[in-house]
Amino acid sequence: MIGAPSTLKLATEQVIASVRSRLLKSQSSLAIEMPSDIIMDSFPGPYGQVMTNLIFNAVTHGFADGPGGHMLIKARRLGMEQVEITFADNGSGVPEEVQRRVFDPFFTTRRAQGSTGLGLYIVHNLVTQQLGGKITLVSALGKGTTICMTLPLFAPGPGAAG
């Protein structure tokens, strides 16, 4: 069920509030740069799960080699019907051979540390299927990772192509 339309910034702030203790424990910081007037009529639960998984993935993988790191969530309108949301971290980056597989189910570079390899797979499916958007990953070793999502401002209806 689609929730009442709300601002993207408020929805994002609520997600961050729900993971704040994990951020503090990891000594990571997170900033938001988005206008307050982007209204979305979409699925807040799946959006929250996407953002939570991206945050935890950065903390677990991007900042695994040292305490803390910085994440930035930015958003901007693309015309009247879409929004671009960018999640960036300044972590260790993703090797090129791994980048091709990050959205595959059960793919992880940290199975021995308890990772299941489902985080980014779930993110990809939620973005492309439920939220009706597109997602890309750009990364360079030692320079962090950026995940860019293009989402419709209005959730797709049942049976809509994504």
Protein backbone atom coordinates (compact mmCIF):
# COMPACT_ATOMS: atom_id res chain seq x y z
CA MET A 1 0.00 0.00 0.00
CA ILE A 2 1.30 3.40 -0.88
CA GLY A 3 1.70 5.69 2.09
CA ALA A 4 0.69 9.30 2.18
CA PRO A 5 2.96 11.48 0.05
CA SER A 6 5.86 12.80 2.09
CA THR A 7 9.06 14.67 1.52
CA LEU A 8 12.04 12.60 0.47
CA LYS A 9 14.21 14.49 2.95
CA LEU A 10 11.96 13.61 5.90
CA ALA A 11 11.81 9.94 4.88
CA THR A 12 15.61 9.88 4.60
CA GLU A 13 16.07 11.60 7.97
CA GLN A 14 13.81 8.98 9.58
CA VAL A 15 15.95 6.17 8.16
CA ILE A 16 19.11 7.82 9.47
CA ALA A 17 17.56 8.24 12.91
CA SER A 18 16.77 4.51 12.98
CA VAL A 19 20.42 3.54 12.30
CA ARG A 20 22.12 6.29 14.30
CA SER A 21 23.42 3.95 17.04
CA ARG A 22 25.14 1.73 14.46
CA LEU A 23 26.71 4.81 12.86
CA LEU A 24 28.00 6.03 16.21
CA LYS A 25 29.39 2.59 17.05
CA SER A 26 31.23 2.45 13.71
CA GLN A 27 32.48 6.04 14.13
CA SER A 28 31.00 6.86 10.71
CA SER A 29 29.33 10.09 9.70
CA LEU A 30 26.43 10.65 7.35
CA ALA A 31 25.21 13.86 5.76
CA ILE A 32 22.17 14.68 3.64
CA GLU A 33 22.04 17.22 0.84
CA MET A 34 18.56 17.37 -0.59
CA PRO A 35 15.90 20.00 -1.02
CA SER A 36 12.94 19.86 1.34
CA ASP A 37 10.42 20.21 -1.47
CA ILE A 38 10.84 16.85 -3.26
CA ILE A 39 7.57 15.05 -2.58
CA MET A 40 7.32 11.32 -3.28
CA ASP A 41 4.20 9.21 -3.40
CA SER A 42 5.91 5.86 -3.23
CA PHE A 43 6.65 2.99 -0.88
CA PRO A 44 8.37 4.30 2.27
CA GLY A 45 9.14 0.81 3.64
CA PRO A 46 11.14 -0.39 0.64
CA TYR A 47 12.85 3.01 0.33
CA GLY A 48 13.88 2.76 3.99
CA GLN A 49 15.17 -0.76 3.47
CA VAL A 50 17.23 0.38 0.46
CA MET A 51 18.83 3.22 2.40
CA THR A 52 19.44 1.07 5.49
CA ASN A 53 21.14 -1.61 3.40
CA LEU A 54 23.31 0.97 1.64
CA ILE A 55 24.39 2.48 4.96
CA PHE A 56 25.16 -0.90 6.54
CA ASN A 57 26.95 -2.07 3.40
CA ALA A 58 29.23 0.99 3.50
CA VAL A 59 29.96 0.48 7.20
CA THR A 60 30.59 -3.28 6.80
CA HIS A 61 32.55 -3.27 3.54
CA GLY A 62 33.68 0.26 2.72
CA PHE A 63 34.97 1.11 6.17
CA ALA A 64 36.13 -2.39 7.20
CA ASP A 65 39.82 -1.45 7.13
CA GLY A 66 39.63 1.38 9.62
CA PRO A 67 37.34 3.21 12.00
CA GLY A 68 34.80 5.54 10.56
CA GLY A 69 34.23 7.01 7.21
CA HIS A 70 31.90 9.51 5.65
CA MET A 71 28.69 8.93 3.69
CA LEU A 72 26.64 11.45 1.77
CA ILE A 73 23.09 11.10 0.48
CA LYS A 74 22.12 13.63 -2.17
CA ALA A 75 18.94 14.05 -4.17
CA ARG A 76 17.84 16.22 -7.05
CA ARG A 77 14.77 16.36 -9.20
CA LEU A 78 14.97 15.09 -12.76
CA GLY A 79 12.13 16.87 -14.50
CA MET A 80 8.61 16.56 -13.11
CA GLU A 81 8.43 12.78 -12.70
CA GLN A 82 11.76 11.50 -11.37
CA VAL A 83 14.35 12.01 -8.67
CA GLU A 84 18.01 11.07 -8.66
CA ILE A 85 19.31 9.86 -5.30
CA THR A 86 23.04 9.41 -4.87
CA PHE A 87 24.60 7.51 -1.98
CA ALA A 88 28.36 8.00 -1.77
CA ASP A 89 31.02 6.88 0.70
CA ASN A 90 34.73 7.59 1.01
CA GLY A 91 35.55 3.99 1.88
CA SER A 92 37.98 1.51 0.38
CA GLY A 93 36.13 1.21 -2.93
CA VAL A 94 35.13 -1.88 -4.89
CA PRO A 95 37.58 -3.70 -7.16
CA GLU A 96 36.56 -3.71 -10.82
CA GLU A 97 36.07 -7.49 -10.98
CA VAL A 98 33.75 -7.30 -7.95
CA GLN A 99 31.72 -4.37 -9.35
CA ARG A 100 30.22 -6.61 -12.05
CA ARG A 101 28.82 -8.95 -9.39
CA VAL A 102 27.74 -6.71 -6.48
CA PHE A 103 24.04 -7.00 -7.34
CA ASP A 104 24.19 -10.82 -7.75
CA PRO A 105 22.46 -12.91 -5.08
CA PHE A 106 24.76 -14.43 -2.45
CA PHE A 107 27.85 -12.63 -3.75
CA THR A 108 30.00 -11.29 -0.92
CA THR A 109 33.67 -10.68 -0.28
CA ARG A 110 33.15 -11.12 3.47
CA ARG A 111 31.40 -14.48 3.91
CA ALA A 112 33.92 -15.46 6.62
CA GLN A 113 32.85 -12.37 8.60
CA GLY A 114 29.17 -13.34 8.43
CA SER A 115 27.99 -11.47 5.32
CA THR A 116 25.30 -13.24 3.29
CA GLY A 117 25.72 -11.46 -0.03
CA LEU A 118 22.09 -10.40 -0.09
CA GLY A 119 22.28 -6.70 0.85
CA LEU A 120 22.92 -5.16 -2.57
CA TYR A 121 20.90 -7.88 -4.30
CA ILE A 122 17.89 -6.85 -2.19
CA VAL A 123 18.64 -3.17 -2.87
CA HIS A 124 18.73 -3.81 -6.63
CA ASN A 125 15.45 -5.73 -6.59
CA LEU A 126 13.65 -3.15 -4.45
CA VAL A 127 14.84 -0.26 -6.63
CA THR A 128 14.11 -1.91 -9.98
CA GLN A 129 11.02 -3.94 -9.15
CA GLN A 130 9.05 -2.36 -6.31
CA LEU A 131 10.12 1.28 -6.66
CA GLY A 132 10.24 1.18 -10.48
CA GLY A 133 13.68 2.75 -10.79
CA LYS A 134 17.21 2.16 -12.03
CA ILE A 135 20.43 1.73 -10.05
CA THR A 136 24.13 1.94 -10.93
CA LEU A 137 27.36 1.60 -8.98
CA VAL A 138 30.60 3.46 -9.67
CA SER A 139 33.69 2.84 -7.58
CA ALA A 140 37.46 3.11 -7.55
CA LEU A 141 39.85 1.43 -5.13
CA GLY A 142 40.83 3.81 -2.37
CA LYS A 143 38.34 6.44 -3.54
CA GLY A 144 35.00 5.15 -2.29
CA THR A 145 31.79 4.06 -3.92
CA THR A 146 28.82 5.92 -5.37
CA ILE A 147 25.44 4.32 -5.95
CA CYS A 148 23.04 6.29 -8.09
CA MET A 149 19.32 5.59 -8.20
CA THR A 150 16.76 7.15 -10.49
CA LEU A 151 13.27 6.74 -9.06
CA PRO A 152 9.83 7.87 -10.16
CA LEU A 153 8.21 10.41 -7.83
CA PHE A 154 4.99 8.39 -8.10
CA ALA A 155 5.17 4.67 -7.37
CA PRO A 156 4.40 2.37 -10.27
CA GLY A 157 1.03 0.67 -10.11
CA PRO A 158 0.53 -3.10 -10.08
CA GLY A 159 1.82 -4.69 -13.24
CA ALA A 160 3.77 -1.60 -14.31
CA ALA A 161 6.99 -2.23 -16.16
CA GLY A 162 10.08 -1.06 -14.31
